[in-house]
C-alpha atoms as a PDB file:
ATOM      1  CA  MET A   1      46.835 284.801 223.830  1.00  0.00           C
ATOM      2  CA  SER A   2      49.031 283.946 226.811  1.00  0.00           C
ATOM      3  CA  THR A   3      50.495 286.539 229.088  1.00  0.00           C
ATOM      4  CA  PRO A   4      54.091 286.205 230.303  1.00  0.00           C
ATOM      5  CA  ASP A   5      52.832 285.413 233.817  1.00  0.00           C
ATOM      6  CA  GLU A   6      51.091 282.286 232.556  1.00  0.00           C
ATOM      7  CA  ASN A   7      54.339 280.886 231.143  1.00  0.00           C
ATOM      8  CA  VAL A   8      56.384 281.049 234.353  1.00  0.00           C
ATOM      9  CA  PRO A   9      57.367 277.549 235.562  1.00  0.00           C
ATOM     10  CA  GLU A  10      55.579 276.506 238.728  1.00  0.00           C
ATOM     11  CA  SER A  11      58.643 274.959 240.371  1.00  0.00           C
ATOM     12  CA  ASP A  12      62.395 275.251 240.231  1.00  0.00           C
ATOM     13  CA  THR A  13      62.796 273.576 236.855  1.00  0.00           C
ATOM     14  CA  GLU A  14      65.550 275.817 235.518  1.00  0.00           C
ATOM     15  CA  PRO A  15      68.669 273.835 234.595  1.00  0.00           C
ATOM     16  CA  LEU A  16      71.690 274.357 236.804  1.00  0.00           C
ATOM     17  CA  LEU A  17      74.443 276.532 235.435  1.00  0.00           C
ATOM     18  CA  GLU A  18      77.504 274.809 234.088  1.00  0.00           C
ATOM     19  CA  ALA A  19      80.720 275.170 236.052  1.00  0.00           C
ATOM     20  CA  THR A  20      83.075 277.869 234.894  1.00  0.00           C
ATOM     21  CA  GLY A  21      86.055 276.929 232.763  1.00  0.00           C
ATOM     22  CA  ASP A  22      88.414 276.725 235.759  1.00  0.00           C
ATOM     23  CA  ASP A  23      89.193 273.074 235.106  1.00  0.00           C
ATOM     24  CA  GLN A  24      90.080 273.633 231.462  1.00  0.00           C
ATOM     25  CA  GLU A  25      93.649 273.721 230.263  1.00  0.00           C
ATOM     26  CA  PRO A  26      95.130 277.216 230.129  1.00  0.00           C
ATOM     27  CA  VAL A  27      95.042 278.900 226.751  1.00  0.00           C
ATOM     28  CA  GLU A  28      98.460 279.861 225.457  1.00  0.00           C
ATOM     29  CA  GLU A  29      98.836 283.458 224.326  1.00  0.00           C
ATOM     30  CA  PRO A  30      99.501 284.043 220.636  1.00  0.00           C
ATOM     31  CA  ARG A  31     103.171 284.384 219.749  1.00  0.00           C
ATOM     32  CA  THR A  32     103.506 287.888 218.360  1.00  0.00           C
ATOM     33  CA  PRO A  33     106.712 289.006 216.598  1.00  0.00           C
ATOM     34  CA  GLY A  34     107.665 290.941 219.732  1.00  0.00           C
ATOM     35  CA  ARG A  35     107.241 287.874 221.912  1.00  0.00           C
ATOM     36  CA  VAL A  36     109.268 285.748 219.504  1.00  0.00           C
ATOM     37  CA  ALA A  37     112.067 288.348 219.606  1.00  0.00           C
ATOM     38  CA  MET A  38     111.937 288.516 223.415  1.00  0.00           C
ATOM     39  CA  GLU A  39     112.117 284.714 223.699  1.00  0.00           C
ATOM     40  CA  ALA A  40     115.088 284.658 221.311  1.00  0.00           C
ATOM     41  CA  ALA A  41     116.874 287.334 223.363  1.00  0.00           C
ATOM     42  CA  LEU A  42     116.186 285.455 226.595  1.00  0.00           C
ATOM     43  CA  LYS A  43     117.464 282.226 225.074  1.00  0.00           C
ATOM     44  CA  ALA A  44     120.642 283.967 223.867  1.00  0.00           C
ATOM     45  CA  SER A  45     121.230 285.301 227.393  1.00  0.00           C
ATOM     46  CA  GLY A  46     120.735 281.853 228.926  1.00  0.00           C
ATOM     47  CA  LYS A  47     117.478 282.749 230.623  1.00  0.00           C
ATOM     48  CA  ALA A  48     113.931 281.461 230.153  1.00  0.00           C
ATOM     49  CA  LEU A  49     110.575 283.176 229.910  1.00  0.00           C
ATOM     50  CA  SER A  50     109.699 281.820 233.348  1.00  0.00           C
ATOM     51  CA  ASP A  51     112.604 283.817 234.804  1.00  0.00           C
ATOM     52  CA  LEU A  52     110.651 287.024 234.165  1.00  0.00           C
ATOM     53  CA  THR A  53     107.830 286.174 236.542  1.00  0.00           C
END
């Protein structure tokens, strides 16, 4: 039977970690009924969602 110490790689053979998802496209938030109502109210007032931030 092997012990865990015998199975350790002798050199740095671990694969490199993948890059984080920073370069992925942003995920759009789900449109809840409240968000839909807020967007409708903003549109009726002549404003856009981007005006809030």
